[in-house]
Amino acid sequence: MKTQVVEFDIDKKNLLRDVISKQTGSLGKAIKELFQNSFDAGATEIKVKINENSLVFTDNGCGMNADEIYKYFRVFGATQKRGDDKKTGTFGMGRGQIFNFGITLWETQNHKMVVDIRDSLDYNFEETETHIKGTTISITFYKPIYSWHVSDAIYHIKEDVLPPKGVKIYLNKELYEPTIEKYEDFSNDKYLVFTSSEHRSRIYNGGLAVKFIKHTNYKYSIQPYEKLELNFARNELIENTESTKELNYFIYSMEELMASKKNRFNLD
């Protein structure tokens, strides 16, 4: 009997809706994806204003021109960041998370896009006379959120976002400046090892938390200077990659040294 080679196919509409609705966790996680885009766009100032009815996220990065909007905003999975070691966004999916929370208005350079996924998976595009620097994303929530949702979102931003050097972040008009203590004994040219009251036992990638460090008796977080390889959900390292193997060995060696020294990392 003749063997046939049959290509897999996908149900594009249903898969796209799942990408938008089912990769979403908390509002804080969706906002974290916006930070990733801002960092990749070279923003030096990011402002987040959030209340029970709306969210406004503004950065002064490079923004998007009409061609980039058509190629990368319109198409999920398309990204110009893939293969760029300086960019952390590699899947072209993250923006979909914020779509799930409300009607979103995107303003960048001299363009506007309005997204409302309740009825259809499309967006309205408009050219404007006013040119703005960077990108402003305004979300009107489909349903008002509770005040504790607001507090929770801000809490998770502080815990999950480590501002890169030279980047100012304002949360409801307050400058967010985490105090970081670098551990000189363990930091090197590949890894920044630090402690902070906001950032507890986490591995960061490009300024964003990607993994909680479990089963440790020591207080520290790690920010590699080079990009890590992550899974699709961007919440776990891909095993058996060189970057993960090197990081795991670094953590093992560091904790062995910590244990032998019985130093200040020990928990009380």
C-alpha atoms as a PDB file:
ATOM      1  CA  MET A   1       0.000   0.000   0.000  1.00  0.00           C
ATOM      2  CA  LYS A   2       1.159   3.500  -0.811  1.00  0.00           C
ATOM      3  CA  THR A   3       2.153   5.701   2.121  1.00  0.00           C
ATOM      4  CA  GLN A   4       0.917   9.287   2.030  1.00  0.00           C
ATOM      5  CA  VAL A   5       2.491  12.298   3.685  1.00  0.00           C
ATOM      6  CA  VAL A   6      -0.302  14.417   5.156  1.00  0.00           C
ATOM      7  CA  GLU A   7       0.336  17.874   6.567  1.00  0.00           C
ATOM      8  CA  PHE A   8      -1.242  18.938   9.831  1.00  0.00           C
ATOM      9  CA  ASP A   9      -3.551  21.928   9.631  1.00  0.00           C
ATOM     10  CA  ILE A  10      -5.110  24.217  12.225  1.00  0.00           C
ATOM     11  CA  ASP A  11      -8.503  25.697  12.925  1.00  0.00           C
ATOM     12  CA  LYS A  12      -7.220  29.257  12.701  1.00  0.00           C
ATOM     13  CA  LYS A  13     -10.171  31.132  14.200  1.00  0.00           C
ATOM     14  CA  ASN A  14     -10.655  28.837  17.183  1.00  0.00           C
ATOM     15  CA  LEU A  15      -6.933  28.611  17.841  1.00  0.00           C
ATOM     16  CA  LEU A  16      -6.598  32.385  17.691  1.00  0.00           C
ATOM     17  CA  ARG A  17      -9.483  32.823  20.116  1.00  0.00           C
ATOM     18  CA  ASP A  18      -7.847  30.323  22.476  1.00  0.00           C
ATOM     19  CA  VAL A  19      -4.517  32.155  22.191  1.00  0.00           C
ATOM     20  CA  ILE A  20      -6.269  35.362  23.240  1.00  0.00           C
ATOM     21  CA  SER A  21      -8.593  34.026  25.928  1.00  0.00           C
ATOM     22  CA  LYS A  22      -6.867  30.989  27.412  1.00  0.00           C
ATOM     23  CA  GLN A  23      -3.275  32.140  27.749  1.00  0.00           C
ATOM     24  CA  THR A  24      -4.552  34.933  29.971  1.00  0.00           C
ATOM     25  CA  GLY A  25      -4.056  34.468  33.684  1.00  0.00           C
ATOM     26  CA  SER A  26      -4.327  37.525  35.867  1.00  0.00           C
ATOM     27  CA  LEU A  27      -4.536  41.147  34.835  1.00  0.00           C
ATOM     28  CA  GLY A  28      -1.063  41.596  36.302  1.00  0.00           C
ATOM     29  CA  LYS A  29       0.327  38.940  33.943  1.00  0.00           C
ATOM     30  CA  ALA A  30      -1.325  40.618  30.943  1.00  0.00           C
ATOM     31  CA  ILE A  31       0.225  43.946  31.955  1.00  0.00           C
ATOM     32  CA  LYS A  32       3.616  42.236  32.284  1.00  0.00           C
ATOM     33  CA  GLU A  33       3.399  41.364  28.582  1.00  0.00           C
ATOM     34  CA  LEU A  34       2.986  45.077  27.807  1.00  0.00           C
ATOM     35  CA  PHE A  35       6.157  45.811  29.774  1.00  0.00           C
ATOM     36  CA  GLN A  36       7.980  43.257  27.651  1.00  0.00           C
ATOM     37  CA  ASN A  37       6.951  45.078  24.469  1.00  0.00           C
ATOM     38  CA  SER A  38       8.004  48.419  25.964  1.00  0.00           C
ATOM     39  CA  PHE A  39      11.432  47.145  26.992  1.00  0.00           C
ATOM     40  CA  ASP A  40      11.943  45.664  23.526  1.00  0.00           C
ATOM     41  CA  ALA A  41      10.897  49.014  21.987  1.00  0.00           C
ATOM     42  CA  GLY A  42      13.654  50.801  23.891  1.00  0.00           C
ATOM     43  CA  ALA A  43      11.349  52.756  26.200  1.00  0.00           C
ATOM     44  CA  THR A  44      12.991  54.777  28.975  1.00  0.00           C
ATOM     45  CA  GLU A  45       9.752  55.851  30.642  1.00  0.00           C
ATOM     46  CA  ILE A  46       6.639  53.764  31.240  1.00  0.00           C
ATOM     47  CA  LYS A  47       3.473  54.951  32.963  1.00  0.00           C
ATOM     48  CA  VAL A  48       0.666  52.723  34.230  1.00  0.00           C
ATOM     49  CA  LYS A  49      -2.622  54.178  35.454  1.00  0.00           C
ATOM     50  CA  ILE A  50      -5.200  51.689  36.678  1.00  0.00           C
ATOM     51  CA  ASN A  51      -8.510  51.881  38.496  1.00  0.00           C
ATOM     52  CA  GLU A  52     -11.668  49.784  38.746  1.00  0.00           C
ATOM     53  CA  ASN A  53     -12.871  50.806  35.269  1.00  0.00           C
ATOM     54  CA  SER A  54      -9.848  51.303  33.076  1.00  0.00           C
ATOM     55  CA  LEU A  55      -6.133  50.922  32.469  1.00  0.00           C
ATOM     56  CA  VAL A  56      -3.820  53.257  30.563  1.00  0.00           C
ATOM     57  CA  PHE A  57      -0.336  52.024  29.679  1.00  0.00           C
ATOM     58  CA  THR A  58       2.037  54.528  28.063  1.00  0.00           C
ATOM     59  CA  ASP A  59       5.654  54.269  26.944  1.00  0.00           C
ATOM     60  CA  ASN A  60       8.085  56.438  25.007  1.00  0.00           C
ATOM     61  CA  GLY A  61       9.558  53.632  22.913  1.00  0.00           C
ATOM     62  CA  CYS A  62       9.879  53.513  19.145  1.00  0.00           C
ATOM     63  CA  GLY A  63       6.207  52.678  18.498  1.00  0.00           C
ATOM     64  CA  MET A  64       4.951  51.039  15.289  1.00  0.00           C
ATOM     65  CA  ASN A  65       4.591  52.378  11.780  1.00  0.00           C
ATOM     66  CA  ALA A  66       1.826  51.275   9.405  1.00  0.00           C
ATOM     67  CA  ASP A  67       3.908  48.521   7.836  1.00  0.00           C
ATOM     68  CA  GLU A  68       4.856  47.081  11.252  1.00  0.00           C
ATOM     69  CA  ILE A  69       1.235  47.200  12.393  1.00  0.00           C
ATOM     70  CA  TYR A  70       0.138  45.233   9.324  1.00  0.00           C
ATOM     71  CA  LYS A  71       2.951  42.674   9.611  1.00  0.00           C
ATOM     72  CA  TYR A  72       3.193  42.190  13.373  1.00  0.00           C
ATOM     73  CA  PHE A  73       0.163  43.633  15.198  1.00  0.00           C
ATOM     74  CA  ARG A  74      -2.318  42.076  12.758  1.00  0.00           C
ATOM     75  CA  VAL A  75      -0.649  38.676  12.547  1.00  0.00           C
ATOM     76  CA  PHE A  76      -0.345  36.551  15.685  1.00  0.00           C
ATOM     77  CA  GLY A  77       2.885  34.563  15.731  1.00  0.00           C
ATOM     78  CA  ALA A  78       4.682  37.035  13.458  1.00  0.00           C
ATOM     79  CA  THR A  79       7.454  38.982  15.146  1.00  0.00           C
ATOM     80  CA  GLN A  80      10.593  40.818  14.109  1.00  0.00           C
ATOM     81  CA  LYS A  81      12.154  39.900  17.478  1.00  0.00           C
ATOM     82  CA  ARG A  82      12.751  36.216  16.751  1.00  0.00           C
ATOM     83  CA  GLY A  83      16.489  35.563  16.634  1.00  0.00           C
ATOM     84  CA  ASP A  84      17.332  38.921  18.250  1.00  0.00           C
ATOM     85  CA  ASP A  85      19.298  38.156  21.421  1.00  0.00           C
ATOM     86  CA  LYS A  86      18.555  41.629  22.782  1.00  0.00           C
ATOM     87  CA  LYS A  87      14.763  41.217  22.602  1.00  0.00           C
ATOM     88  CA  THR A  88      12.736  39.050  24.995  1.00  0.00           C
ATOM     89  CA  GLY A  89       9.481  38.800  23.029  1.00  0.00           C
ATOM     90  CA  THR A  90       9.875  35.940  20.560  1.00  0.00           C
ATOM     91  CA  PHE A  91       6.425  34.439  19.959  1.00  0.00           C
ATOM     92  CA  GLY A  92       4.311  37.406  18.817  1.00  0.00           C
ATOM     93  CA  MET A  93       1.391  36.368  21.053  1.00  0.00           C
ATOM     94  CA  GLY A  94       1.577  38.395  24.251  1.00  0.00           C
ATOM     95  CA  ARG A  95      -0.595  41.367  23.251  1.00  0.00           C
ATOM     96  CA  GLY A  96      -3.596  39.047  23.004  1.00  0.00           C
ATOM     97  CA  GLN A  97      -3.754  38.702  26.765  1.00  0.00           C
ATOM     98  CA  ILE A  98      -4.861  42.292  27.324  1.00  0.00           C
ATOM     99  CA  PHE A  99      -7.555  41.956  24.616  1.00  0.00           C
ATOM    100  CA  ASN A 100      -9.389  39.584  26.927  1.00  0.00           C
ATOM    101  CA  PHE A 101     -10.005  42.217  29.610  1.00  0.00           C
ATOM    102  CA  GLY A 102     -11.725  44.987  27.691  1.00  0.00           C
ATOM    103  CA  ILE A 103     -11.993  47.246  24.666  1.00  0.00           C
ATOM    104  CA  THR A 104      -8.452  48.328  23.845  1.00  0.00           C
ATOM    105  CA  LEU A 105      -7.387  51.465  22.032  1.00  0.00           C
ATOM    106  CA  TRP A 106      -3.811  51.441  20.725  1.00  0.00           C
ATOM    107  CA  GLU A 107      -2.244  54.768  19.703  1.00  0.00           C
ATOM    108  CA  THR A 108       1.223  54.754  18.157  1.00  0.00           C
ATOM    109  CA  GLN A 109       2.978  57.282  15.943  1.00  0.00           C
ATOM    110  CA  ASN A 110       0.054  58.540  13.791  1.00  0.00           C
ATOM    111  CA  HIS A 111      -2.150  55.434  13.946  1.00  0.00           C
ATOM    112  CA  LYS A 112      -5.028  54.139  16.056  1.00  0.00           C
ATOM    113  CA  MET A 113      -6.296  50.587  16.444  1.00  0.00           C
ATOM    114  CA  VAL A 114      -9.425  49.629  18.389  1.00  0.00           C
ATOM    115  CA  VAL A 115      -9.902  45.996  19.432  1.00  0.00           C
ATOM    116  CA  ASP A 116     -13.117  44.484  20.828  1.00  0.00           C
ATOM    117  CA  ILE A 117     -13.062  40.686  20.697  1.00  0.00           C
ATOM    118  CA  ARG A 118     -16.580  40.135  22.064  1.00  0.00           C
ATOM    119  CA  ASP A 119     -18.141  40.041  18.599  1.00  0.00           C
ATOM    120  CA  SER A 120     -15.317  39.324  16.159  1.00  0.00           C
ATOM    121  CA  LEU A 121     -11.580  38.805  15.889  1.00  0.00           C
ATOM    122  CA  ASP A 122     -10.640  41.988  14.061  1.00  0.00           C
ATOM    123  CA  TYR A 123      -9.697  45.598  14.749  1.00  0.00           C
ATOM    124  CA  ASN A 124     -10.464  49.064  13.426  1.00  0.00           C
ATOM    125  CA  PHE A 125      -7.494  50.926  11.967  1.00  0.00           C
ATOM    126  CA  GLU A 126      -7.298  54.690  11.543  1.00  0.00           C
ATOM    127  CA  GLU A 127      -4.603  57.163  10.521  1.00  0.00           C
ATOM    128  CA  THR A 128      -4.461  60.346  12.573  1.00  0.00           C
ATOM    129  CA  GLU A 129      -3.004  63.786  12.031  1.00  0.00           C
ATOM    130  CA  THR A 130      -1.418  63.881  15.487  1.00  0.00           C
ATOM    131  CA  HIS A 131       1.919  62.081  15.843  1.00  0.00           C
ATOM    132  CA  ILE A 132       2.784  60.669  19.247  1.00  0.00           C
ATOM    133  CA  LYS A 133       6.065  59.188  20.420  1.00  0.00           C
ATOM    134  CA  GLY A 134       5.885  55.642  21.655  1.00  0.00           C
ATOM    135  CA  THR A 135       2.676  53.748  22.316  1.00  0.00           C
ATOM    136  CA  THR A 136      -0.363  54.381  24.496  1.00  0.00           C
ATOM    137  CA  ILE A 137      -2.772  51.526  25.223  1.00  0.00           C
ATOM    138  CA  SER A 138      -6.101  52.430  26.823  1.00  0.00           C
ATOM    139  CA  ILE A 139      -8.321  49.615  28.103  1.00  0.00           C
ATOM    140  CA  THR A 140     -11.928  50.052  29.152  1.00  0.00           C
ATOM    141  CA  PHE A 141     -12.695  46.906  31.131  1.00  0.00           C
ATOM    142  CA  TYR A 142     -15.619  44.805  29.927  1.00  0.00           C
ATOM    143  CA  LYS A 143     -16.710  44.615  33.565  1.00  0.00           C
ATOM    144  CA  PRO A 144     -15.506  46.850  36.399  1.00  0.00           C
ATOM    145  CA  ILE A 145     -12.920  45.159  38.575  1.00  0.00           C
ATOM    146  CA  TYR A 146     -12.714  45.291  42.353  1.00  0.00           C
ATOM    147  CA  SER A 147     -10.297  47.546  44.221  1.00  0.00           C
ATOM    148  CA  TRP A 148      -8.384  44.490  45.405  1.00  0.00           C
ATOM    149  CA  HIS A 149      -7.840  43.550  41.737  1.00  0.00           C
ATOM    150  CA  VAL A 150      -6.164  46.938  41.288  1.00  0.00           C
ATOM    151  CA  SER A 151      -3.956  46.395  44.347  1.00  0.00           C
ATOM    152  CA  ASP A 152      -3.151  42.855  43.219  1.00  0.00           C
ATOM    153  CA  ALA A 153      -2.144  44.002  39.731  1.00  0.00           C
ATOM    154  CA  ILE A 154       0.210  46.646  41.142  1.00  0.00           C
ATOM    155  CA  TYR A 155       1.645  44.126  43.612  1.00  0.00           C
ATOM    156  CA  HIS A 156       2.430  41.655  40.826  1.00  0.00           C
ATOM    157  CA  ILE A 157       3.944  44.364  38.630  1.00  0.00           C
ATOM    158  CA  LYS A 158       6.329  45.229  41.454  1.00  0.00           C
ATOM    159  CA  GLU A 159       7.170  41.579  42.040  1.00  0.00           C
ATOM    160  CA  ASP A 160       7.488  40.510  38.406  1.00  0.00           C
ATOM    161  CA  VAL A 161       9.078  43.563  36.770  1.00  0.00           C
ATOM    162  CA  LEU A 162      12.703  44.466  37.345  1.00  0.00           C
ATOM    163  CA  PRO A 163      13.260  47.830  35.616  1.00  0.00           C
ATOM    164  CA  PRO A 164      16.315  47.754  33.333  1.00  0.00           C
ATOM    165  CA  LYS A 165      18.966  50.368  33.977  1.00  0.00           C
ATOM    166  CA  GLY A 166      17.813  53.806  32.846  1.00  0.00           C
ATOM    167  CA  VAL A 167      14.105  52.919  32.676  1.00  0.00           C
ATOM    168  CA  LYS A 168      11.646  54.823  34.882  1.00  0.00           C
ATOM    169  CA  ILE A 169       8.309  53.229  35.758  1.00  0.00           C
ATOM    170  CA  TYR A 170       5.377  55.115  37.242  1.00  0.00           C
ATOM    171  CA  LEU A 171       2.493  53.214  38.855  1.00  0.00           C
ATOM    172  CA  ASN A 172      -0.529  55.454  39.378  1.00  0.00           C
ATOM    173  CA  LYS A 173       1.816  58.463  39.213  1.00  0.00           C
ATOM    174  CA  GLU A 174       4.247  57.087  41.829  1.00  0.00           C
ATOM    175  CA  LEU A 175       7.802  56.379  40.701  1.00  0.00           C
ATOM    176  CA  TYR A 176       8.610  52.729  41.238  1.00  0.00           C
ATOM    177  CA  GLU A 177      12.244  52.403  42.321  1.00  0.00           C
ATOM    178  CA  PRO A 178      13.018  48.992  43.806  1.00  0.00           C
ATOM    179  CA  THR A 179      16.003  48.824  46.136  1.00  0.00           C
ATOM    180  CA  ILE A 180      18.346  46.114  44.933  1.00  0.00           C
ATOM    181  CA  GLU A 181      21.347  44.754  46.827  1.00  0.00           C
ATOM    182  CA  LYS A 182      23.828  43.086  44.502  1.00  0.00           C
ATOM    183  CA  TYR A 183      25.674  40.074  45.854  1.00  0.00           C
ATOM    184  CA  GLU A 184      29.197  40.783  44.712  1.00  0.00           C
ATOM    185  CA  ASP A 185      30.494  37.380  45.850  1.00  0.00           C
ATOM    186  CA  PHE A 186      28.285  35.548  43.360  1.00  0.00           C
ATOM    187  CA  SER A 187      27.481  37.972  40.530  1.00  0.00           C
ATOM    188  CA  ASN A 188      29.663  37.707  37.439  1.00  0.00           C
ATOM    189  CA  ASP A 189      29.697  38.778  33.794  1.00  0.00           C
ATOM    190  CA  LYS A 190      26.805  36.386  32.982  1.00  0.00           C
ATOM    191  CA  TYR A 191      24.498  36.680  36.002  1.00  0.00           C
ATOM    192  CA  LEU A 192      23.373  39.412  38.355  1.00  0.00           C
ATOM    193  CA  VAL A 193      22.588  37.875  41.758  1.00  0.00           C
ATOM    194  CA  PHE A 194      20.675  40.173  44.058  1.00  0.00           C
ATOM    195  CA  THR A 195      18.142  40.533  46.821  1.00  0.00           C
ATOM    196  CA  SER A 196      15.266  42.985  47.052  1.00  0.00           C
ATOM    197  CA  SER A 197      12.204  43.449  49.230  1.00  0.00           C
ATOM    198  CA  GLU A 198      10.031  43.385  46.071  1.00  0.00           C
ATOM    199  CA  HIS A 199      11.749  40.574  44.159  1.00  0.00           C
ATOM    200  CA  ARG A 200      11.873  37.277  46.037  1.00  0.00           C
ATOM    201  CA  SER A 201      13.494  34.066  44.772  1.00  0.00           C
ATOM    202  CA  ARG A 202      12.910  34.573  41.086  1.00  0.00           C
ATOM    203  CA  ILE A 203      14.730  34.175  37.813  1.00  0.00           C
ATOM    204  CA  TYR A 204      14.280  37.141  35.484  1.00  0.00           C
ATOM    205  CA  ASN A 205      14.641  37.367  31.728  1.00  0.00           C
ATOM    206  CA  GLY A 206      15.025  40.808  30.223  1.00  0.00           C
ATOM    207  CA  GLY A 207      13.647  42.417  33.383  1.00  0.00           C
ATOM    208  CA  LEU A 208      10.599  40.136  33.707  1.00  0.00           C
ATOM    209  CA  ALA A 209      10.128  37.255  36.147  1.00  0.00           C
ATOM    210  CA  VAL A 210       9.871  33.893  34.385  1.00  0.00           C
ATOM    211  CA  LYS A 211      10.437  31.328  37.134  1.00  0.00           C
ATOM    212  CA  PHE A 212      10.058  31.007  40.886  1.00  0.00           C
ATOM    213  CA  ILE A 213      13.104  29.436  42.517  1.00  0.00           C
ATOM    214  CA  LYS A 214      11.708  26.558  44.569  1.00  0.00           C
ATOM    215  CA  HIS A 215      13.289  24.410  47.250  1.00  0.00           C
ATOM    216  CA  THR A 216      15.968  26.863  48.271  1.00  0.00           C
ATOM    217  CA  ASN A 217      17.047  27.890  51.761  1.00  0.00           C
ATOM    218  CA  TYR A 218      18.547  31.148  50.591  1.00  0.00           C
ATOM    219  CA  LYS A 219      17.294  34.606  49.693  1.00  0.00           C
ATOM    220  CA  TYR A 220      18.326  35.663  46.203  1.00  0.00           C
ATOM    221  CA  SER A 221      17.092  36.365  42.675  1.00  0.00           C
ATOM    222  CA  ILE A 222      18.965  36.117  39.377  1.00  0.00           C
ATOM    223  CA  GLN A 223      18.922  38.261  36.244  1.00  0.00           C
ATOM    224  CA  PRO A 224      21.026  36.731  33.436  1.00  0.00           C
ATOM    225  CA  TYR A 225      22.627  39.263  31.128  1.00  0.00           C
ATOM    226  CA  GLU A 226      21.835  37.070  28.116  1.00  0.00           C
ATOM    227  CA  LYS A 227      18.380  35.963  26.983  1.00  0.00           C
ATOM    228  CA  LEU A 228      17.030  32.669  28.284  1.00  0.00           C
ATOM    229  CA  GLU A 229      15.023  30.214  26.188  1.00  0.00           C
ATOM    230  CA  LEU A 230      11.446  29.970  27.461  1.00  0.00           C
ATOM    231  CA  ASN A 231       8.354  27.892  26.786  1.00  0.00           C
ATOM    232  CA  PHE A 232       5.364  29.274  24.903  1.00  0.00           C
ATOM    233  CA  ALA A 233       3.679  30.539  28.098  1.00  0.00           C
ATOM    234  CA  ARG A 234       6.961  32.264  29.074  1.00  0.00           C
ATOM    235  CA  ASN A 235       6.688  30.884  32.623  1.00  0.00           C
ATOM    236  CA  GLU A 236       9.258  28.090  32.488  1.00  0.00           C
ATOM    237  CA  LEU A 237      12.760  27.523  31.139  1.00  0.00           C
ATOM    238  CA  ILE A 238      13.171  25.033  28.316  1.00  0.00           C
ATOM    239  CA  GLU A 239      15.207  22.138  29.659  1.00  0.00           C
ATOM    240  CA  ASN A 240      18.195  20.709  27.759  1.00  0.00           C
ATOM    241  CA  THR A 241      19.099  24.072  26.241  1.00  0.00           C
ATOM    242  CA  GLU A 242      22.563  25.443  26.847  1.00  0.00           C
ATOM    243  CA  SER A 243      21.275  28.554  28.604  1.00  0.00           C
ATOM    244  CA  THR A 244      19.191  26.492  31.056  1.00  0.00           C
ATOM    245  CA  LYS A 245      21.967  23.974  31.700  1.00  0.00           C
ATOM    246  CA  GLU A 246      24.449  26.771  32.412  1.00  0.00           C
ATOM    247  CA  LEU A 247      22.004  28.546  34.720  1.00  0.00           C
ATOM    248  CA  ASN A 248      21.156  25.364  36.645  1.00  0.00           C
ATOM    249  CA  TYR A 249      24.839  24.587  37.120  1.00  0.00           C
ATOM    250  CA  PHE A 250      25.474  28.158  38.264  1.00  0.00           C
ATOM    251  CA  ILE A 251      22.654  27.913  40.850  1.00  0.00           C
ATOM    252  CA  TYR A 252      23.890  24.515  42.069  1.00  0.00           C
ATOM    253  CA  SER A 253      27.474  25.744  42.431  1.00  0.00           C
ATOM    254  CA  MET A 254      26.402  28.959  44.117  1.00  0.00           C
ATOM    255  CA  GLU A 255      24.214  27.215  46.675  1.00  0.00           C
ATOM    256  CA  GLU A 256      26.981  24.720  47.409  1.00  0.00           C
ATOM    257  CA  LEU A 257      29.283  27.648  48.154  1.00  0.00           C
ATOM    258  CA  MET A 258      26.590  29.374  50.223  1.00  0.00           C
ATOM    259  CA  ALA A 259      26.121  26.242  52.295  1.00  0.00           C
ATOM    260  CA  SER A 260      29.834  25.832  52.879  1.00  0.00           C
ATOM    261  CA  LYS A 261      30.244  29.418  53.994  1.00  0.00           C
ATOM    262  CA  LYS A 262      27.014  29.505  56.051  1.00  0.00           C
ATOM    263  CA  ASN A 263      26.919  33.156  55.085  1.00  0.00           C
ATOM    264  CA  ARG A 264      24.362  35.931  55.219  1.00  0.00           C
ATOM    265  CA  PHE A 265      22.077  34.268  52.676  1.00  0.00           C
ATOM    266  CA  ASN A 266      20.744  31.908  55.336  1.00  0.00           C
ATOM    267  CA  LEU A 267      17.145  32.359  56.298  1.00  0.00           C
ATOM    268  CA  ASP A 268      16.395  33.282  59.900  1.00  0.00           C
END
